[in-house]
Amino acid sequence: MNKICLLGASLCVALAFTSCKPKQSAYKAAYEAAKEKETTAPVQEEVVYEEESEPVAPVSKPRSEAVSATTRTENITAVAGEDANRLKRYSVVVGSFRNKTNAYSLKERMIEAGYDAVLGENEQGMLRVIVSSFDNKADAIESREAIKAKYAPNFQDAWLLEKAY
């Protein structure tokens, strides 16, 4: 009896696996239909327009508009080992990190690029990588815009930090 049950079960399993096998001819027919559709589809030609490249003079913003740029006000202090006198009222921030390694890495990169970068820390423990600092808001805005232009598309989110007193 056990042998008959075992033989019946194995026969059912064998039939199940062979009956579900996909037919190669079905794949081939679908492939042929797609291939034929591809060859009969109309081909669109790509039109290329030539543009004349003329140098464009940069446009600077009027100073009155520049002074109205938004700033973020924070209590910020220089990180240990940094010169606190380099943090003036308005600063240009290019990076903000919780991870000290990332902050120091960006600071070193900016120093190598010729900036006098300094690290500041706010009350929440965020490390700000500051590349320039000014007493005048208009000068800070000009510096921020110069950094954005020089490093495009990087540092497009550079922002102004106003030191709270």
C-alpha atoms as a PDB file:
ATOM      1  CA  MET A   1       0.000   0.000   0.000  1.00  0.00           C
ATOM      2  CA  ASN A   2       2.837   2.378   0.867  1.00  0.00           C
ATOM      3  CA  LYS A   3       4.515   1.655  -2.456  1.00  0.00           C
ATOM      4  CA  ILE A   4       1.348   2.496  -4.375  1.00  0.00           C
ATOM      5  CA  CYS A   5       0.883   5.770  -2.455  1.00  0.00           C
ATOM      6  CA  LEU A   6       4.509   6.709  -3.015  1.00  0.00           C
ATOM      7  CA  LEU A   7       4.290   5.869  -6.723  1.00  0.00           C
ATOM      8  CA  GLY A   8       1.056   7.883  -7.068  1.00  0.00           C
ATOM      9  CA  ALA A   9       2.514  10.901  -5.264  1.00  0.00           C
ATOM     10  CA  SER A  10       5.668  10.878  -7.377  1.00  0.00           C
ATOM     11  CA  LEU A  11       3.568  10.578 -10.557  1.00  0.00           C
ATOM     12  CA  CYS A  12       1.469  13.592  -9.463  1.00  0.00           C
ATOM     13  CA  VAL A  13       4.603  15.636  -8.725  1.00  0.00           C
ATOM     14  CA  ALA A  14       6.119  14.706 -12.094  1.00  0.00           C
ATOM     15  CA  LEU A  15       2.930  15.692 -13.927  1.00  0.00           C
ATOM     16  CA  ALA A  16       2.707  18.975 -11.999  1.00  0.00           C
ATOM     17  CA  PHE A  17       6.236  20.030 -12.969  1.00  0.00           C
ATOM     18  CA  THR A  18       5.918  19.045 -16.613  1.00  0.00           C
ATOM     19  CA  SER A  19       2.492  20.556 -17.161  1.00  0.00           C
ATOM     20  CA  CYS A  20       3.534  24.021 -15.854  1.00  0.00           C
ATOM     21  CA  LYS A  21       6.588  24.181 -18.072  1.00  0.00           C
ATOM     22  CA  PRO A  22       6.296  27.167 -20.412  1.00  0.00           C
ATOM     23  CA  LYS A  23       6.345  26.334 -24.041  1.00  0.00           C
ATOM     24  CA  GLN A  24       9.275  27.642 -26.025  1.00  0.00           C
ATOM     25  CA  SER A  25       7.012  28.213 -28.969  1.00  0.00           C
ATOM     26  CA  ALA A  26       4.922  30.714 -26.944  1.00  0.00           C
ATOM     27  CA  TYR A  27       8.037  32.760 -26.169  1.00  0.00           C
ATOM     28  CA  LYS A  28       9.167  32.543 -29.754  1.00  0.00           C
ATOM     29  CA  ALA A  29       5.784  33.730 -31.063  1.00  0.00           C
ATOM     30  CA  ALA A  30       5.777  36.713 -28.694  1.00  0.00           C
ATOM     31  CA  TYR A  31       9.333  37.566 -29.694  1.00  0.00           C
ATOM     32  CA  GLU A  32       8.526  37.397 -33.401  1.00  0.00           C
ATOM     33  CA  ALA A  33       5.434  39.591 -32.951  1.00  0.00           C
ATOM     34  CA  ALA A  34       7.424  42.220 -31.049  1.00  0.00           C
ATOM     35  CA  LYS A  35      10.218  42.129 -33.621  1.00  0.00           C
ATOM     36  CA  GLU A  36       7.761  42.614 -36.472  1.00  0.00           C
ATOM     37  CA  LYS A  37       6.036  45.473 -34.665  1.00  0.00           C
ATOM     38  CA  GLU A  38       9.422  47.120 -34.111  1.00  0.00           C
ATOM     39  CA  THR A  39      10.378  46.969 -37.778  1.00  0.00           C
ATOM     40  CA  THR A  40       7.025  48.322 -39.014  1.00  0.00           C
ATOM     41  CA  ALA A  41       6.833  51.216 -36.519  1.00  0.00           C
ATOM     42  CA  PRO A  42       7.427  54.646 -38.076  1.00  0.00           C
ATOM     43  CA  VAL A  43      10.805  56.150 -37.287  1.00  0.00           C
ATOM     44  CA  GLN A  44      10.869  59.707 -36.020  1.00  0.00           C
ATOM     45  CA  GLU A  45      13.835  61.771 -37.049  1.00  0.00           C
ATOM     46  CA  GLU A  46      15.482  63.850 -34.394  1.00  0.00           C
ATOM     47  CA  VAL A  47      15.740  67.501 -35.297  1.00  0.00           C
ATOM     48  CA  VAL A  48      18.830  69.244 -34.003  1.00  0.00           C
ATOM     49  CA  TYR A  49      18.888  72.997 -33.795  1.00  0.00           C
ATOM     50  CA  GLU A  50      22.217  74.720 -33.769  1.00  0.00           C
ATOM     51  CA  GLU A  51      22.575  77.475 -31.256  1.00  0.00           C
ATOM     52  CA  GLU A  52      24.931  80.313 -31.718  1.00  0.00           C
ATOM     53  CA  SER A  53      27.020  80.682 -28.637  1.00  0.00           C
ATOM     54  CA  GLU A  54      27.660  84.266 -27.764  1.00  0.00           C
ATOM     55  CA  PRO A  55      29.340  85.299 -24.558  1.00  0.00           C
ATOM     56  CA  VAL A  56      26.830  86.548 -22.047  1.00  0.00           C
ATOM     57  CA  ALA A  57      27.888  89.201 -19.591  1.00  0.00           C
ATOM     58  CA  PRO A  58      27.040  88.343 -15.974  1.00  0.00           C
ATOM     59  CA  VAL A  59      24.338  90.461 -14.456  1.00  0.00           C
ATOM     60  CA  SER A  60      24.891  91.651 -10.925  1.00  0.00           C
ATOM     61  CA  LYS A  61      22.059  92.363  -8.567  1.00  0.00           C
ATOM     62  CA  PRO A  62      21.529  95.902  -7.376  1.00  0.00           C
ATOM     63  CA  ARG A  63      22.883  96.453  -3.904  1.00  0.00           C
ATOM     64  CA  SER A  64      19.467  97.456  -2.531  1.00  0.00           C
ATOM     65  CA  GLU A  65      18.018  94.021  -3.442  1.00  0.00           C
ATOM     66  CA  ALA A  66      21.035  92.207  -2.069  1.00  0.00           C
ATOM     67  CA  VAL A  67      20.645  93.679   1.416  1.00  0.00           C
ATOM     68  CA  SER A  68      17.137  92.230   1.706  1.00  0.00           C
ATOM     69  CA  ALA A  69      18.333  88.593   1.461  1.00  0.00           C
ATOM     70  CA  THR A  70      17.087  86.317   4.234  1.00  0.00           C
ATOM     71  CA  THR A  71      19.394  85.201   6.982  1.00  0.00           C
ATOM     72  CA  ARG A  72      19.145  82.664   9.772  1.00  0.00           C
ATOM     73  CA  THR A  73      19.952  84.024  13.223  1.00  0.00           C
ATOM     74  CA  GLU A  74      21.688  81.685  15.678  1.00  0.00           C
ATOM     75  CA  ASN A  75      23.815  81.780  18.771  1.00  0.00           C
ATOM     76  CA  ILE A  76      27.028  80.429  17.330  1.00  0.00           C
ATOM     77  CA  THR A  77      30.417  79.929  18.914  1.00  0.00           C
ATOM     78  CA  ALA A  78      33.727  78.902  17.435  1.00  0.00           C
ATOM     79  CA  VAL A  79      34.578  75.236  17.890  1.00  0.00           C
ATOM     80  CA  ALA A  80      37.478  74.543  20.274  1.00  0.00           C
ATOM     81  CA  GLY A  81      40.739  75.312  18.496  1.00  0.00           C
ATOM     82  CA  GLU A  82      39.150  77.850  16.137  1.00  0.00           C
ATOM     83  CA  ASP A  83      39.695  81.613  16.245  1.00  0.00           C
ATOM     84  CA  ALA A  84      36.466  83.155  17.571  1.00  0.00           C
ATOM     85  CA  ASN A  85      37.497  86.586  16.232  1.00  0.00           C
ATOM     86  CA  ARG A  86      36.963  85.298  12.686  1.00  0.00           C
ATOM     87  CA  LEU A  87      33.220  84.953  13.319  1.00  0.00           C
ATOM     88  CA  LYS A  88      31.663  88.316  12.558  1.00  0.00           C
ATOM     89  CA  ARG A  89      28.009  89.304  12.400  1.00  0.00           C
ATOM     90  CA  TYR A  90      27.192  87.793   8.958  1.00  0.00           C
ATOM     91  CA  SER A  91      28.722  84.504   7.816  1.00  0.00           C
ATOM     92  CA  VAL A  92      28.450  82.396   4.657  1.00  0.00           C
ATOM     93  CA  VAL A  93      27.721  78.753   5.548  1.00  0.00           C
ATOM     94  CA  VAL A  94      28.424  76.032   2.950  1.00  0.00           C
ATOM     95  CA  GLY A  95      27.838  72.982   5.126  1.00  0.00           C
ATOM     96  CA  SER A  96      26.068  71.957   8.300  1.00  0.00           C
ATOM     97  CA  PHE A  97      26.829  68.675  10.046  1.00  0.00           C
ATOM     98  CA  ARG A  98      26.272  66.707  13.223  1.00  0.00           C
ATOM     99  CA  ASN A  99      29.200  64.440  12.341  1.00  0.00           C
ATOM    100  CA  LYS A 100      32.526  66.107  13.251  1.00  0.00           C
ATOM    101  CA  THR A 101      34.460  64.104  10.668  1.00  0.00           C
ATOM    102  CA  ASN A 102      32.289  65.406   7.829  1.00  0.00           C
ATOM    103  CA  ALA A 103      32.514  68.983   9.091  1.00  0.00           C
ATOM    104  CA  TYR A 104      36.314  68.893   9.437  1.00  0.00           C
ATOM    105  CA  SER A 105      36.634  67.247   6.016  1.00  0.00           C
ATOM    106  CA  LEU A 106      34.663  70.013   4.284  1.00  0.00           C
ATOM    107  CA  LYS A 107      36.554  72.678   6.243  1.00  0.00           C
ATOM    108  CA  GLU A 108      39.898  71.261   5.063  1.00  0.00           C
ATOM    109  CA  ARG A 109      38.631  71.085   1.490  1.00  0.00           C
ATOM    110  CA  MET A 110      37.627  74.742   1.597  1.00  0.00           C
ATOM    111  CA  ILE A 111      40.974  75.761   3.119  1.00  0.00           C
ATOM    112  CA  GLU A 112      42.744  73.938   0.266  1.00  0.00           C
ATOM    113  CA  ALA A 113      40.542  75.915  -2.144  1.00  0.00           C
ATOM    114  CA  GLY A 114      41.864  79.160  -0.633  1.00  0.00           C
ATOM    115  CA  TYR A 115      39.125  80.069   1.831  1.00  0.00           C
ATOM    116  CA  ASP A 116      39.732  80.991   5.460  1.00  0.00           C
ATOM    117  CA  ALA A 117      37.185  78.442   6.670  1.00  0.00           C
ATOM    118  CA  VAL A 118      36.205  78.174  10.318  1.00  0.00           C
ATOM    119  CA  LEU A 119      33.892  75.823  12.219  1.00  0.00           C
ATOM    120  CA  GLY A 120      31.103  77.211  14.345  1.00  0.00           C
ATOM    121  CA  GLU A 121      28.690  75.341  16.597  1.00  0.00           C
ATOM    122  CA  ASN A 122      25.144  76.372  17.418  1.00  0.00           C
ATOM    123  CA  GLU A 123      23.154  75.627  20.581  1.00  0.00           C
ATOM    124  CA  GLN A 124      21.748  72.384  19.109  1.00  0.00           C
ATOM    125  CA  GLY A 125      25.247  71.012  18.432  1.00  0.00           C
ATOM    126  CA  MET A 126      25.200  71.497  14.659  1.00  0.00           C
ATOM    127  CA  LEU A 127      28.622  72.234  13.195  1.00  0.00           C
ATOM    128  CA  ARG A 128      28.547  75.006  10.591  1.00  0.00           C
ATOM    129  CA  VAL A 129      31.332  75.224   7.988  1.00  0.00           C
ATOM    130  CA  ILE A 130      31.792  78.959   7.477  1.00  0.00           C
ATOM    131  CA  VAL A 131      33.912  80.114   4.532  1.00  0.00           C
ATOM    132  CA  SER A 132      33.692  83.858   5.049  1.00  0.00           C
ATOM    133  CA  SER A 133      32.426  86.255   7.668  1.00  0.00           C
ATOM    134  CA  PHE A 134      31.596  89.968   7.441  1.00  0.00           C
ATOM    135  CA  ASP A 135      30.265  92.846   9.510  1.00  0.00           C
ATOM    136  CA  ASN A 136      28.269  94.023   6.496  1.00  0.00           C
ATOM    137  CA  LYS A 137      25.325  91.987   5.149  1.00  0.00           C
ATOM    138  CA  ALA A 138      25.806  93.146   1.549  1.00  0.00           C
ATOM    139  CA  ASP A 139      29.412  91.900   1.524  1.00  0.00           C
ATOM    140  CA  ALA A 140      28.281  88.548   2.914  1.00  0.00           C
ATOM    141  CA  ILE A 141      25.641  88.235   0.182  1.00  0.00           C
ATOM    142  CA  GLU A 142      28.201  89.014  -2.524  1.00  0.00           C
ATOM    143  CA  SER A 143      30.526  86.366  -1.089  1.00  0.00           C
ATOM    144  CA  ARG A 144      27.726  83.791  -0.999  1.00  0.00           C
ATOM    145  CA  GLU A 145      26.771  84.493  -4.613  1.00  0.00           C
ATOM    146  CA  ALA A 146      30.427  84.260  -5.708  1.00  0.00           C
ATOM    147  CA  ILE A 147      30.764  80.856  -4.018  1.00  0.00           C
ATOM    148  CA  LYS A 148      27.553  79.624  -5.641  1.00  0.00           C
ATOM    149  CA  ALA A 149      28.789  80.760  -9.058  1.00  0.00           C
ATOM    150  CA  LYS A 150      32.295  79.341  -8.622  1.00  0.00           C
ATOM    151  CA  TYR A 151      31.208  75.917  -7.374  1.00  0.00           C
ATOM    152  CA  ALA A 152      28.006  75.411  -9.396  1.00  0.00           C
ATOM    153  CA  PRO A 153      26.190  73.035  -9.085  1.00  0.00           C
ATOM    154  CA  ASN A 154      27.722  72.405  -5.633  1.00  0.00           C
ATOM    155  CA  PHE A 155      27.022  74.754  -2.730  1.00  0.00           C
ATOM    156  CA  GLN A 156      23.838  76.116  -4.325  1.00  0.00           C
ATOM    157  CA  ASP A 157      22.287  75.863  -0.884  1.00  0.00           C
ATOM    158  CA  ALA A 158      24.923  78.100   0.758  1.00  0.00           C
ATOM    159  CA  TRP A 159      23.183  80.418   3.195  1.00  0.00           C
ATOM    160  CA  LEU A 160      23.726  83.427   5.433  1.00  0.00           C
ATOM    161  CA  LEU A 161      24.032  83.108   9.168  1.00  0.00           C
ATOM    162  CA  GLU A 162      23.517  86.136  11.370  1.00  0.00           C
ATOM    163  CA  LYS A 163      25.247  85.836  14.698  1.00  0.00           C
ATOM    164  CA  ALA A 164      22.886  86.522  17.612  1.00  0.00           C
ATOM    165  CA  TYR A 165      24.307  88.816  20.253  1.00  0.00           C
END
